Each structure stands twice: as structure tokens, then as C-alpha cells.
Amino acid sequence: MGAAGQLIVKRYRLVRALGQGSMGIVWEGHDTLLDRAVAVRQVLLPPELREGRRAELAQRLAREARQAERLRHPHIAAVHDVAEEDGTTYIVMELVRSRSLDGVVASEGPLAPERAAAIARNVLSALTYAHASGVRHGDVRPANILIGHDGRVLLADFGTGALAADPAFGRSGPERSPAHGNPVSATRGASAFLAPERSGGAAPTAASDLWSLGATLHLALTARPPGTAPQDVPGPLGTVMRGLLAKEPRRRLSPEAAEHALAELQVAAPVPASPAGRSRTRLIAGIAAAVLVAGAVGGWAILRPGSGTAVSRTPLAATISPSASPSPTPSKKPAKPLKLKSYRSPAGWRASAPSAWTRRPTDSGIRWYDPRSGAQLTVEVIAQAGTDPLKELSDGQVSLRPTMTAYRKIRLKETPSKYGTAADWEFTWTQRRSQAYLAKGVTYHQYRRIIATESTTSVLTWTTTADQWDRLRPTLVKSLSLFTPPAIG
């Protein structure tokens, strides 16, 4: 049994227990080598198992976890490492500040169809990616779907889920949610979400993962697992759920058909209002459905409306490319950048923003805001490796466009960066409906940059009303040039 303060393989320090389930204890840990918070699953095998059986399970766990290490997707809680100490297996994972989906349903009741559809689509994208990589999850259920405090949706427990149906882990006793440490009812344990063909301990398949997703969707919509008589859910989302819950694997809805149906439901759904007490709407930019990490990382800057709607026609690229120069209107002097003030985050990244702007923390970074013009700079950094910046921004464009009027892409392309891979997305749009500080009918101009290093993903988002863009553009160029991510800062 582990203990707080214990150092595993001279690298991972156990900080505090987060919860206990049938497969062991989940700890908050600290990676002393990379100086980052992690989650550490201490796998506890039943003591009565024969030595040969224990060795077999330990080998399976290590093999499954090593396969899961290859997965880097915005809706998958990453597996960082597998370690063994004194005969005990430890799986080191991304630590996600979150609530589990079953906890959300338990406290809030059944979800609205559009919210359930968005979550299901994110999880489906994670499964589709994993299946294409040759990895099966095996334990898709609400307890393993995390709703991050930053808005991300992640599927957790890759690497251990494949053993969820093994009789060795069918011990009695209450299971506790790793997110809260609260007892989980038997109807929300692993067995309630296993496909019929896995009831005898069969290995997971892509089809069985899809059945479990359907069972999870059932709970999200009805607050209970499907059992032997699934509750009827009307409408298109009910059709998707029933298609995934088909008893015969070959009759189940294909992932392509499910993705198409869920995407249509999302596009048809109204834009959700901002949660009470929050002053922004988040864009999850791809990092798959759009978050970055997407999933989403990435903030959607919120502005007070400006007085005009003229769109700047000069792309920011002209001001940062060494081979090009801006072409200002001859009758106007080029705008000068505002005075900047440097800021160093406790997480190690550095940014510079106008000294007169107001600084406020966000879930995963800092937002600077000008109360006079409504302009904002948001910097968000997460511990996520393997991000494809261009793909995340491209996915974000697909997800965002249905919420806009008069969208115009100015640039969407990779950009050179001495810190890693990077991409830029610049665009304008007219707000379709008033929401938080976004005003209906006002045209906005946004520039977003994603920088991916070996261990982090940084999202820089600069937004102004269109009539303020030219005046503030030189400040943006200077601010972008001064940013350094954690690995460098």
C-alpha cells in the first residue's frame, strides 16, 4: 500500500489519495523530473492470487499501458509512464482537474440532449482515434469520462480498462470515484456498462467500446444505466443511443454513422448560454471538437461591443513576415505598439501584455482585458504533449463556423517557431446573437496561435472589435514575439 510522500522509482512522489476503485488507488502525484502534477494509479492485485496469475496480470497491465502511452488525443487523458516498485505496478497519467460524468449527473440530473450529444461526440472521437491505433479501452463508463474545470471532455483509464472485466478485479466492496472519493453505486460500476458479449470476461473490441458509449449516453440522458430494458429516449439522440446499444455487435451503429448523427445534432443545437458567474464562452479548438485540447484548450475571448463593424483587410502576416511589410492607409501614421509589461507565470511561461490592461486568472492561464476598447489577450498553457497545432485550429474552424455569421478566414497555416511546432489562425466574424459580452451584429477580429513543445501546449488568443484591429495590431505583433512557453521560460 502506498503512502503520501512515497517516491516511486526515484521520480514520482505520491501526494494524496484521490479515490479507490476495484483496480487500486488513484493518487495525485508529482513528477520530480519534469516538475509537473500527475495522477498515479497504484494497481492492487488481490493478495490471494497465485504467483503465476499475479505475474500474468502484471504483464498484461504493463503491455496495455505501454500501448496507451502512444495515444495523444485532445479527448484522451494521457498515459505518461508505467513503473514498478516492490512488485506493485504504477501507471502515471495526466492529472485532470475535473468532475466525472456520473458525478455531474448525480448532482445535476439528466443532461440536456445537446450537452449529452457534445460529450458523446468527444468520447467517440477519442475511441475512433484509439481504435485506429489498435488500442481498445474496455471500460468506457461515466466514471471514466472527465469533465474538466477548463471545459475539456476526456476519456480516462486507457491502459487499465482492458482488464476491467477480469474476474480478478471483481472484488466486493464500494468503489470510490477518483474525482471525489465518493462511493459509486453498483449500478454505476464497471459491470453495468460492459457490452453483453463481455459478460464472461471476453477481451474488449471496438464494437464493445461502442456499446459502452451507448450505455454511457443512456445514463447521461436518463440518470441510470440501460440494464436489461433500456429506457426509450425520443428524438434523433435516442436513435443514436439505441443504435449503439444493439445486442449483436455487427448490428451496432458504425462510428462513422454515429459521428455524422452527433455532428448534425451539435450544429442544430442552439449555442448554450454561458454558465452563471462566467464571463466568457469557450472555444474548444480541436485539441478535437475544438479544445484544444480540444477538446479543448483555448479560450474564446469575450469583448464589449465596439461602435463599428469595418473589417481590416490587412492580415497580421504582413506585419510579422520578414519578406513583407504592412501597407497602411497613406493618410494615417502607422500605429505604435502600446507599452508592454512582462508577466511570468508560476508554471514557467512568460508573456507580455499592455501595462494598462487588467489581468485576471482563467482556468488554465491568464486573460488581459482593456475595459475601454474591449480588447483581450488570453494565454492558456496545459501539460499536453503530441498536439498538432494546425489540425487543432482546423478542427476548431469546423466547430466554430455554425455559430457565426459572415465568417472570413484570413489565414490558417503553420508558422515557424523556435520552441516547437506552431500554427496561426486569423479570422473575422459577426456575432449571431448576444452572449455574455459578445454583442449581436458586431464584427470581431481574432488571431490565435498554438505552440506545441515536447511537454506543453500553449494557446495565445488576441481578440478585438474589427474597428480596433489596425490600431492594436502592432501591439499584438510585439506581444507574440515576446512569449516563451514553460520549457523555455
Protein backbone atom coordinates (compact mmCIF):
# COMPACT_ATOMS: atom_id res chain seq x y z
CA MET A 1 0.00 0.00 0.00
CA GLY A 2 1.40 3.38 -0.98
CA ALA A 3 1.70 6.33 1.36
CA ALA A 4 1.73 10.09 0.94
CA GLY A 5 5.27 11.27 0.43
CA GLN A 6 6.47 7.98 -1.04
CA LEU A 7 8.81 8.29 -4.03
CA ILE A 8 8.19 5.80 -6.82
CA VAL A 9 11.17 4.76 -8.99
CA LYS A 10 13.03 7.79 -7.68
CA ARG A 11 10.81 10.11 -9.71
CA TYR A 12 7.08 10.17 -8.87
CA ARG A 13 6.12 11.37 -5.40
CA LEU A 14 2.68 10.40 -4.08
CA VAL A 15 0.94 13.50 -2.71
CA ARG A 16 -2.57 12.44 -1.66
CA ALA A 17 -5.10 9.72 -2.42
CA LEU A 18 -7.91 10.86 -4.72
CA GLY A 19 -10.03 7.72 -4.70
CA GLN A 20 -10.10 3.94 -4.67
CA GLY A 21 -11.69 1.52 -7.10
CA SER A 22 -11.64 -2.16 -7.92
CA MET A 23 -8.23 -1.87 -9.57
CA GLY A 24 -6.46 0.08 -6.84
CA ILE A 25 -5.85 3.62 -5.63
CA VAL A 26 -5.54 6.79 -7.68
CA TRP A 27 -3.12 9.33 -6.22
CA GLU A 28 -2.32 12.89 -7.01
CA GLY A 29 1.40 12.79 -7.63
CA HIS A 30 4.32 14.98 -8.57
CA ASP A 31 6.78 14.22 -11.34
CA THR A 32 10.00 15.47 -9.78
CA LEU A 33 11.92 15.22 -13.06
CA LEU A 34 9.58 17.39 -15.15
CA ASP A 35 8.17 19.33 -12.16
CA ARG A 36 4.53 18.72 -13.01
CA ALA A 37 1.44 17.35 -11.31
CA VAL A 38 0.36 13.86 -12.42
CA ALA A 39 -2.16 11.20 -11.49
CA VAL A 40 -0.72 7.87 -10.36
CA ARG A 41 -2.80 4.70 -10.35
CA GLN A 42 -1.43 2.17 -7.88
CA VAL A 43 -2.70 -1.18 -9.15
CA LEU A 44 -3.54 -3.51 -6.25
CA LEU A 45 -3.84 -7.15 -7.19
CA PRO A 46 -5.84 -9.39 -4.84
CA PRO A 47 -3.40 -10.96 -2.34
CA GLU A 48 -4.99 -14.42 -2.70
CA LEU A 49 -3.93 -14.76 -6.35
CA ARG A 50 -1.32 -17.36 -7.20
CA GLU A 51 2.11 -16.02 -8.08
CA GLY A 52 1.78 -17.09 -11.71
CA ARG A 53 -1.59 -15.38 -12.04
CA ARG A 54 -0.21 -12.19 -10.46
CA ALA A 55 2.70 -12.18 -12.91
CA GLU A 56 0.32 -12.69 -15.83
CA LEU A 57 -1.89 -9.75 -14.80
CA ALA A 58 1.11 -7.50 -14.15
CA GLN A 59 2.45 -8.26 -17.62
CA ARG A 60 -0.94 -7.56 -19.21
CA LEU A 61 -1.22 -4.27 -17.36
CA ALA A 62 2.24 -3.18 -18.45
CA ARG A 63 1.53 -4.19 -22.06
CA GLU A 64 -1.82 -2.39 -22.19
CA ALA A 65 -0.40 0.72 -20.54
CA ARG A 66 2.55 0.82 -22.93
CA GLN A 67 0.11 0.72 -25.84
CA ALA A 68 -1.90 3.54 -24.27
CA GLU A 69 1.26 5.63 -23.92
CA ARG A 70 1.23 6.06 -27.70
CA LEU A 71 -2.16 7.77 -27.66
CA ARG A 72 -2.07 11.55 -27.87
CA HIS A 73 -5.52 12.98 -28.46
CA PRO A 74 -7.31 16.06 -27.09
CA HIS A 75 -10.06 13.90 -25.56
CA ILE A 76 -7.86 11.21 -24.01
CA ALA A 77 -6.32 11.62 -20.57
CA ALA A 78 -2.71 10.84 -21.48
CA VAL A 79 -0.77 7.91 -20.05
CA HIS A 80 2.76 9.15 -19.35
CA ASP A 81 4.60 6.18 -17.90
CA VAL A 82 4.40 2.70 -16.35
CA ALA A 83 6.57 1.91 -13.35
CA GLU A 84 7.08 -0.98 -10.95
CA GLU A 85 8.20 -0.64 -7.36
CA ASP A 86 8.43 -3.53 -4.87
CA GLY A 87 6.26 -5.74 -7.06
CA THR A 88 3.49 -3.14 -7.44
CA THR A 89 2.56 -1.61 -10.80
CA TYR A 90 2.04 2.16 -11.03
CA ILE A 91 0.52 3.85 -14.07
CA VAL A 92 1.34 7.55 -14.38
CA MET A 93 -1.31 9.61 -16.14
CA GLU A 94 -2.33 13.16 -16.92
CA LEU A 95 -3.90 14.83 -13.89
CA VAL A 96 -7.19 16.43 -14.89
CA ARG A 97 -8.93 18.84 -12.53
CA SER A 98 -12.43 17.70 -13.23
CA ARG A 99 -15.69 16.03 -12.29
CA SER A 100 -16.64 12.64 -13.62
CA LEU A 101 -19.73 12.41 -15.80
CA ASP A 102 -21.54 10.21 -13.27
CA GLY A 103 -20.83 12.84 -10.62
CA VAL A 104 -22.26 15.56 -12.84
CA VAL A 105 -25.44 13.55 -13.48
CA ALA A 106 -25.77 12.65 -9.80
CA SER A 107 -25.67 16.32 -8.80
CA GLU A 108 -27.46 17.94 -11.75
CA GLY A 109 -29.77 15.22 -13.04
CA PRO A 110 -30.12 14.09 -16.68
CA LEU A 111 -28.28 16.24 -19.17
CA ALA A 112 -29.88 18.29 -21.91
CA PRO A 113 -29.70 16.43 -25.25
CA GLU A 114 -27.34 18.95 -26.86
CA ARG A 115 -24.92 18.70 -23.95
CA ALA A 116 -25.06 14.92 -23.91
CA ALA A 117 -24.52 14.84 -27.69
CA ALA A 118 -21.43 17.07 -27.42
CA ILE A 119 -19.90 14.87 -24.70
CA ALA A 120 -20.70 11.68 -26.62
CA ARG A 121 -19.13 13.10 -29.77
CA ASN A 122 -15.93 13.98 -27.93
CA VAL A 123 -15.69 10.49 -26.43
CA LEU A 124 -16.45 8.93 -29.81
CA SER A 125 -13.60 10.90 -31.40
CA ALA A 126 -11.25 9.55 -28.70
CA LEU A 127 -12.41 5.97 -29.28
CA THR A 128 -12.19 6.26 -33.06
CA TYR A 129 -8.62 7.51 -32.78
CA ALA A 130 -7.64 4.79 -30.30
CA HIS A 131 -9.25 2.03 -32.35
CA ALA A 132 -7.41 3.23 -35.46
CA SER A 133 -4.21 2.95 -33.41
CA GLY A 134 -5.02 -0.63 -32.45
CA VAL A 135 -5.97 0.18 -28.84
CA ARG A 136 -9.26 -0.80 -27.16
CA HIS A 137 -10.44 0.88 -23.97
CA GLY A 138 -12.55 -1.83 -22.36
CA ASP A 139 -14.07 0.25 -19.56
CA VAL A 140 -15.98 3.12 -21.14
CA ARG A 141 -18.41 4.38 -18.50
CA PRO A 142 -19.43 7.67 -16.88
CA ALA A 143 -16.91 7.33 -14.04
CA ASN A 144 -14.11 7.34 -16.63
CA ILE A 145 -15.36 10.37 -18.56
CA LEU A 146 -13.97 13.54 -17.05
CA ILE A 147 -15.49 16.99 -17.48
CA GLY A 148 -12.56 19.31 -16.87
CA HIS A 149 -12.86 22.56 -14.99
CA ASP A 150 -11.44 24.13 -18.16
CA GLY A 151 -14.29 22.72 -20.26
CA ARG A 152 -12.44 19.76 -21.72
CA VAL A 153 -14.02 16.32 -22.05
CA LEU A 154 -11.58 13.45 -21.60
CA LEU A 155 -11.81 9.66 -21.61
CA ALA A 156 -9.60 8.30 -18.83
CA ASP A 157 -8.18 4.93 -17.80
CA PHE A 158 -6.72 3.78 -21.09
CA GLY A 159 -4.27 1.05 -20.16
CA THR A 160 -6.29 -0.41 -17.30
CA GLY A 161 -9.77 -0.51 -18.80
CA ALA A 162 -8.99 -3.61 -20.84
CA LEU A 163 -8.77 -5.62 -17.62
CA ALA A 164 -11.97 -4.24 -16.11
CA ALA A 165 -13.93 -7.44 -16.81
CA ASP A 166 -11.25 -9.76 -15.47
CA PRO A 167 -12.61 -11.78 -12.50
CA ALA A 168 -9.50 -10.86 -10.50
CA PHE A 169 -10.83 -7.31 -10.18
CA GLY A 170 -14.40 -8.27 -9.32
CA ARG A 171 -13.86 -7.88 -5.62
CA SER A 172 -16.67 -6.78 -3.36
CA GLY A 173 -16.68 -3.50 -1.56
CA PRO A 174 -17.63 0.03 -2.54
CA GLU A 175 -15.85 1.64 -5.43
CA ARG A 176 -14.95 5.28 -4.98
CA SER A 177 -14.81 7.88 -7.67
CA PRO A 178 -11.23 9.03 -8.26
CA ALA A 179 -12.53 12.52 -8.85
CA HIS A 180 -14.26 12.89 -5.49
CA GLY A 181 -13.70 9.83 -3.35
CA ASN A 182 -17.45 9.34 -3.10
CA PRO A 183 -18.94 5.84 -3.14
CA VAL A 184 -20.20 4.79 -6.57
CA SER A 185 -23.39 2.78 -6.64
CA ALA A 186 -23.27 -0.72 -8.05
CA THR A 187 -25.42 0.36 -10.98
CA ARG A 188 -22.68 2.76 -11.98
CA GLY A 189 -19.81 0.33 -11.60
CA ALA A 190 -17.97 -1.31 -14.47
CA SER A 191 -20.36 -4.25 -14.97
CA ALA A 192 -23.37 -2.03 -15.77
CA PHE A 193 -21.56 -0.62 -18.81
CA LEU A 194 -19.96 -3.77 -20.23
CA ALA A 195 -21.28 -4.99 -23.57
CA PRO A 196 -23.27 -8.26 -23.40
CA GLU A 197 -20.53 -10.22 -25.16
CA ARG A 198 -18.03 -9.24 -22.45
CA SER A 199 -20.04 -10.55 -19.51
CA GLY A 200 -17.94 -13.74 -19.44
CA GLY A 201 -14.63 -11.89 -19.32
CA ALA A 202 -14.05 -11.67 -23.07
CA ALA A 203 -11.47 -9.20 -24.35
CA PRO A 204 -12.70 -5.77 -25.39
CA THR A 205 -13.33 -4.95 -29.04
CA ALA A 206 -14.11 -1.77 -30.92
CA ALA A 207 -17.77 -2.85 -31.04
CA SER A 208 -17.90 -3.45 -27.27
CA ASP A 209 -16.45 0.02 -26.63
CA LEU A 210 -19.24 1.49 -28.78
CA TRP A 211 -21.90 -0.40 -26.78
CA SER A 212 -20.39 1.04 -23.58
CA LEU A 213 -20.57 4.51 -25.11
CA GLY A 214 -24.27 3.92 -25.81
CA ALA A 215 -24.78 2.81 -22.20
CA THR A 216 -22.97 5.93 -21.02
CA LEU A 217 -25.18 8.09 -23.21
CA HIS A 218 -28.20 6.34 -21.69
CA LEU A 219 -27.11 7.33 -18.20
CA ALA A 220 -26.39 10.91 -19.30
CA LEU A 221 -29.94 11.22 -20.67
CA THR A 222 -31.90 9.22 -18.07
CA ALA A 223 -29.65 9.21 -14.96
CA ARG A 224 -29.45 5.40 -14.95
CA PRO A 225 -27.64 2.70 -16.93
CA PRO A 226 -29.63 0.77 -19.55
CA GLY A 227 -29.88 -2.55 -17.69
CA THR A 228 -31.89 -5.23 -19.47
CA ALA A 229 -34.62 -2.81 -20.59
CA PRO A 230 -33.21 0.49 -21.87
CA GLN A 231 -35.47 3.48 -21.34
CA ASP A 232 -36.91 4.95 -24.51
CA VAL A 233 -35.40 8.31 -25.40
CA PRO A 234 -37.29 10.18 -28.14
CA GLY A 235 -35.70 12.10 -30.96
CA PRO A 236 -32.52 11.72 -33.04
CA LEU A 237 -30.27 11.29 -29.99
CA GLY A 238 -32.38 8.37 -28.84
CA THR A 239 -31.91 6.80 -32.27
CA VAL A 240 -28.12 7.10 -31.90
CA MET A 241 -28.27 5.61 -28.39
CA ARG A 242 -30.38 2.63 -29.49
CA GLY A 243 -28.10 2.05 -32.47
CA LEU A 244 -25.08 1.82 -30.21
CA LEU A 245 -26.90 -0.46 -27.75
CA ALA A 246 -27.78 -3.15 -30.30
CA LYS A 247 -27.19 -6.55 -28.68
CA GLU A 248 -25.49 -8.04 -31.72
CA PRO A 249 -22.11 -6.35 -32.34
CA ARG A 250 -22.49 -6.47 -36.12
CA ARG A 251 -25.82 -4.59 -35.89
CA ARG A 252 -24.44 -1.69 -33.89
CA LEU A 253 -24.22 1.78 -35.31
CA SER A 254 -20.87 2.33 -37.02
CA PRO A 255 -18.59 5.04 -35.61
CA GLU A 256 -18.90 6.95 -38.91
CA ALA A 257 -22.70 6.95 -38.75
CA ALA A 258 -22.68 7.89 -35.06
CA GLU A 259 -20.23 10.76 -35.70
CA HIS A 260 -22.35 12.09 -38.56
CA ALA A 261 -25.54 11.98 -36.47
CA LEU A 262 -23.92 13.59 -33.40
CA ALA A 263 -22.32 16.31 -35.54
CA GLU A 264 -25.70 17.18 -37.04
CA LEU A 265 -27.22 17.34 -33.56
CA GLN A 266 -24.50 19.72 -32.40
CA VAL A 267 -24.89 22.01 -35.39
CA ALA A 268 -28.67 22.06 -34.98
CA ALA A 269 -28.48 22.80 -31.24
CA PRO A 270 -28.65 26.44 -30.09
CA VAL A 271 -25.46 28.00 -28.77
CA PRO A 272 -25.55 27.35 -25.00
CA ALA A 273 -25.63 30.28 -22.64
CA SER A 274 -22.55 30.96 -20.56
CA PRO A 275 -22.63 29.33 -17.11
CA ALA A 276 -23.67 31.63 -14.28
CA GLY A 277 -20.79 33.65 -12.93
CA ARG A 278 -18.58 33.07 -16.00
CA SER A 279 -17.62 35.93 -18.29
CA ARG A 280 -16.70 34.08 -21.44
CA THR A 281 -17.70 31.42 -23.92
CA ARG A 282 -15.03 28.81 -24.56
CA LEU A 283 -13.91 27.70 -27.97
CA ILE A 284 -12.51 24.19 -27.73
CA ALA A 285 -10.24 24.32 -30.72
CA GLY A 286 -9.73 20.81 -31.90
CA ILE A 287 -7.49 19.59 -29.25
CA ALA A 288 -10.65 17.77 -31.24
CA ALA A 289 -14.03 19.15 -31.09
CA ALA A 290 -12.38 22.38 -30.94
CA VAL A 291 -10.11 22.34 -27.16
CA LEU A 292 -7.70 22.47 -27.52
CA VAL A 293 -7.12 20.40 -26.39
CA ALA A 294 -9.75 20.47 -27.76
CA GLY A 295 -11.01 19.43 -26.82
CA ALA A 296 -10.37 21.98 -25.96
CA VAL A 297 -7.87 24.15 -24.50
CA GLY A 298 -8.25 27.54 -25.84
CA GLY A 299 -10.25 30.46 -24.62
CA TRP A 300 -12.81 32.34 -26.60
CA ALA A 301 -12.12 35.96 -25.74
CA ILE A 302 -15.14 37.98 -24.64
CA LEU A 303 -15.39 41.60 -25.71
CA ARG A 304 -17.54 44.56 -25.01
CA PRO A 305 -19.13 45.68 -28.27
CA GLY A 306 -17.37 48.32 -30.34
CA SER A 307 -19.04 51.08 -32.24
CA GLY A 308 -18.10 49.97 -35.75
CA THR A 309 -18.04 46.87 -37.88
CA ALA A 310 -15.44 47.66 -40.56
CA VAL A 311 -13.21 44.67 -41.22
CA SER A 312 -9.45 45.11 -41.55
CA ARG A 313 -8.24 43.69 -44.87
CA THR A 314 -4.54 43.56 -43.96
CA PRO A 315 -3.61 40.17 -42.47
CA LEU A 316 -1.35 40.08 -39.46
CA ALA A 317 1.09 38.00 -41.54
CA ALA A 318 2.13 41.13 -43.36
CA THR A 319 3.44 42.64 -40.15
CA ILE A 320 5.44 39.62 -38.95
CA SER A 321 6.78 38.14 -42.13
CA PRO A 322 10.34 39.38 -42.81
CA SER A 323 9.60 39.39 -46.54
CA ALA A 324 6.56 41.61 -46.32
CA SER A 325 5.64 44.95 -44.85
CA PRO A 326 2.33 46.48 -43.86
CA SER A 327 0.55 48.79 -46.22
CA PRO A 328 -1.16 51.37 -44.03
CA THR A 329 -3.50 53.96 -45.41
CA PRO A 330 -1.28 56.84 -46.66
CA SER A 331 -3.25 59.47 -44.77
CA LYS A 332 -2.66 57.77 -41.43
CA LYS A 333 0.52 57.34 -39.43
CA PRO A 334 1.29 53.71 -38.56
CA ALA A 335 0.05 52.86 -35.06
CA LYS A 336 2.70 52.41 -32.39
CA PRO A 337 2.62 49.44 -30.02
CA LEU A 338 1.35 50.10 -26.54
CA LYS A 339 3.74 49.90 -23.61
CA LEU A 340 4.00 46.28 -22.51
CA LYS A 341 4.56 44.77 -19.08
CA SER A 342 6.19 41.35 -18.71
CA TYR A 343 4.49 38.61 -16.70
CA ARG A 344 5.98 35.29 -15.57
CA SER A 345 3.55 32.55 -14.66
CA PRO A 346 4.25 30.25 -11.69
CA ALA A 347 4.04 27.47 -14.30
CA GLY A 348 7.12 28.88 -16.02
CA TRP A 349 5.77 30.58 -19.15
CA ARG A 350 6.28 34.26 -19.91
CA ALA A 351 4.05 36.72 -21.70
CA SER A 352 3.87 40.47 -22.22
CA ALA A 353 0.66 42.50 -22.34
CA PRO A 354 -0.21 46.21 -22.33
CA SER A 355 0.66 47.60 -18.91
CA ALA A 356 -2.66 49.46 -18.60
CA TRP A 357 -4.78 46.36 -19.14
CA THR A 358 -6.46 44.42 -16.35
CA ARG A 359 -5.08 40.95 -15.62
CA ARG A 360 -7.35 38.13 -14.45
CA PRO A 361 -6.71 34.39 -14.00
CA THR A 362 -8.57 31.82 -16.09
CA ASP A 363 -8.93 28.06 -15.58
CA SER A 364 -5.60 27.33 -17.27
CA GLY A 365 -3.91 30.67 -17.80
CA ILE A 366 -4.28 34.45 -17.72
CA ARG A 367 -6.52 36.94 -19.51
CA TRP A 368 -5.58 40.60 -20.01
CA TYR A 369 -8.51 42.91 -20.73
CA ASP A 370 -8.84 46.53 -21.81
CA PRO A 371 -12.08 47.92 -20.33
CA ARG A 372 -12.02 50.88 -22.74
CA SER A 373 -11.71 49.14 -26.09
CA GLY A 374 -12.87 45.67 -25.04
CA ALA A 375 -9.74 44.04 -26.49
CA GLN A 376 -8.34 40.94 -24.84
CA LEU A 377 -5.25 38.77 -24.81
CA THR A 378 -5.64 35.28 -23.34
CA VAL A 379 -2.73 32.92 -22.71
CA GLU A 380 -3.55 29.34 -21.74
CA VAL A 381 -0.95 26.61 -21.20
CA ILE A 382 -1.63 22.95 -20.46
CA ALA A 383 0.63 19.97 -19.85
CA GLN A 384 -0.22 18.15 -23.07
CA ALA A 385 2.30 16.65 -25.48
CA GLY A 386 1.76 15.48 -29.05
CA THR A 387 -0.53 18.33 -30.13
CA ASP A 388 -0.83 19.04 -33.85
CA PRO A 389 -1.42 22.83 -33.86
CA LEU A 390 -2.65 23.10 -37.45
CA LYS A 391 -5.08 20.20 -37.02
CA GLU A 392 -6.46 21.62 -33.79
CA LEU A 393 -7.08 25.01 -35.36
CA SER A 394 -8.60 23.43 -38.47
CA ASP A 395 -10.96 21.36 -36.29
CA GLY A 396 -11.80 24.50 -34.35
CA GLN A 397 -12.79 26.26 -37.54
CA VAL A 398 -15.21 23.46 -38.42
CA SER A 399 -16.78 23.52 -34.95
CA LEU A 400 -17.00 27.29 -34.70
CA ARG A 401 -18.40 28.31 -38.08
CA PRO A 402 -22.01 27.21 -37.43
CA THR A 403 -22.16 29.69 -34.52
CA MET A 404 -21.16 32.69 -36.66
CA THR A 405 -22.37 34.99 -39.38
CA ALA A 406 -20.09 36.39 -42.10
CA TYR A 407 -17.09 34.28 -41.10
CA ARG A 408 -14.00 35.19 -43.13
CA LYS A 409 -10.74 33.26 -42.83
CA ILE A 410 -7.67 35.43 -43.32
CA ARG A 411 -5.04 32.79 -42.64
CA LEU A 412 -4.81 29.26 -41.27
CA LYS A 413 -1.35 27.80 -41.64
CA GLU A 414 1.72 26.51 -39.89
CA THR A 415 4.17 29.14 -38.71
CA PRO A 416 7.87 28.92 -37.77
CA SER A 417 8.64 28.71 -34.05
CA LYS A 418 11.93 28.13 -32.27
CA TYR A 419 10.05 26.41 -29.44
CA GLY A 420 8.35 23.58 -31.36
CA THR A 421 5.56 23.22 -33.89
CA ALA A 422 3.13 26.12 -34.24
CA ALA A 423 0.21 27.33 -36.31
CA ASP A 424 -1.79 30.54 -36.65
CA TRP A 425 -5.45 31.18 -37.34
CA GLU A 426 -6.73 34.67 -38.11
CA PHE A 427 -10.35 35.41 -38.95
CA THR A 428 -13.26 37.81 -38.60
CA TRP A 429 -16.91 37.15 -37.88
CA THR A 430 -20.13 38.86 -36.99
CA GLN A 431 -21.74 37.70 -33.79
CA ARG A 432 -25.01 35.90 -34.48
CA ARG A 433 -26.60 36.54 -31.09
CA SER A 434 -25.73 38.47 -27.95
CA GLN A 435 -23.96 36.28 -25.43
CA ALA A 436 -22.10 37.38 -22.32
CA TYR A 437 -20.00 40.34 -23.60
CA LEU A 438 -20.38 39.44 -27.27
CA ALA A 439 -22.90 41.73 -28.92
CA LYS A 440 -25.26 40.67 -31.66
CA GLY A 441 -24.38 42.17 -35.01
CA VAL A 442 -20.89 43.34 -34.01
CA THR A 443 -17.92 42.26 -36.12
CA TYR A 444 -14.87 40.90 -34.29
CA HIS A 445 -11.34 40.08 -35.39
CA GLN A 446 -9.33 37.30 -33.73
CA TYR A 447 -5.82 35.92 -34.03
CA ARG A 448 -4.98 32.61 -32.40
CA ARG A 449 -1.61 30.88 -32.16
CA ILE A 450 -0.95 27.38 -30.83
CA ILE A 451 2.59 26.37 -29.90
CA ALA A 452 3.32 22.72 -29.09
CA THR A 453 6.53 21.77 -27.27
CA GLU A 454 7.61 18.30 -26.16
CA SER A 455 5.53 18.56 -22.99
CA THR A 456 3.11 21.51 -23.23
CA THR A 457 0.57 23.18 -25.48
CA SER A 458 0.20 26.97 -25.40
CA VAL A 459 -2.74 28.86 -26.86
CA LEU A 460 -2.48 32.62 -27.38
CA THR A 461 -5.72 34.35 -28.34
CA TRP A 462 -5.94 38.03 -29.25
CA THR A 463 -9.37 39.49 -29.98
CA THR A 464 -10.64 42.97 -30.74
CA THR A 465 -13.65 44.52 -32.35
CA ALA A 466 -12.93 44.95 -36.05
CA ASP A 467 -12.65 48.73 -35.86
CA GLN A 468 -9.88 48.47 -33.23
CA TRP A 469 -7.78 45.89 -35.09
CA ASP A 470 -5.41 48.17 -37.04
CA ARG A 471 -4.68 50.32 -34.01
CA LEU A 472 -3.78 47.35 -31.81
CA ARG A 473 -2.11 45.13 -34.42
CA PRO A 474 1.46 46.37 -33.74
CA THR A 475 0.96 45.62 -30.04
CA LEU A 476 -0.12 42.08 -30.90
CA VAL A 477 2.94 41.51 -33.10
CA LYS A 478 5.27 42.62 -30.32
CA SER A 479 3.39 40.62 -27.67
CA LEU A 480 3.53 37.41 -29.73
CA SER A 481 7.26 37.79 -30.29
CA LEU A 482 7.92 38.01 -26.53
CA PHE A 483 6.00 34.90 -25.45
CA THR A 484 8.03 31.92 -24.20
CA PRO A 485 6.46 28.57 -23.20
CA PRO A 486 7.33 26.77 -19.95
CA ALA A 487 10.06 24.57 -21.40
CA ILE A 488 11.93 27.67 -22.46
CA GLY A 489 10.89 30.19 -19.84
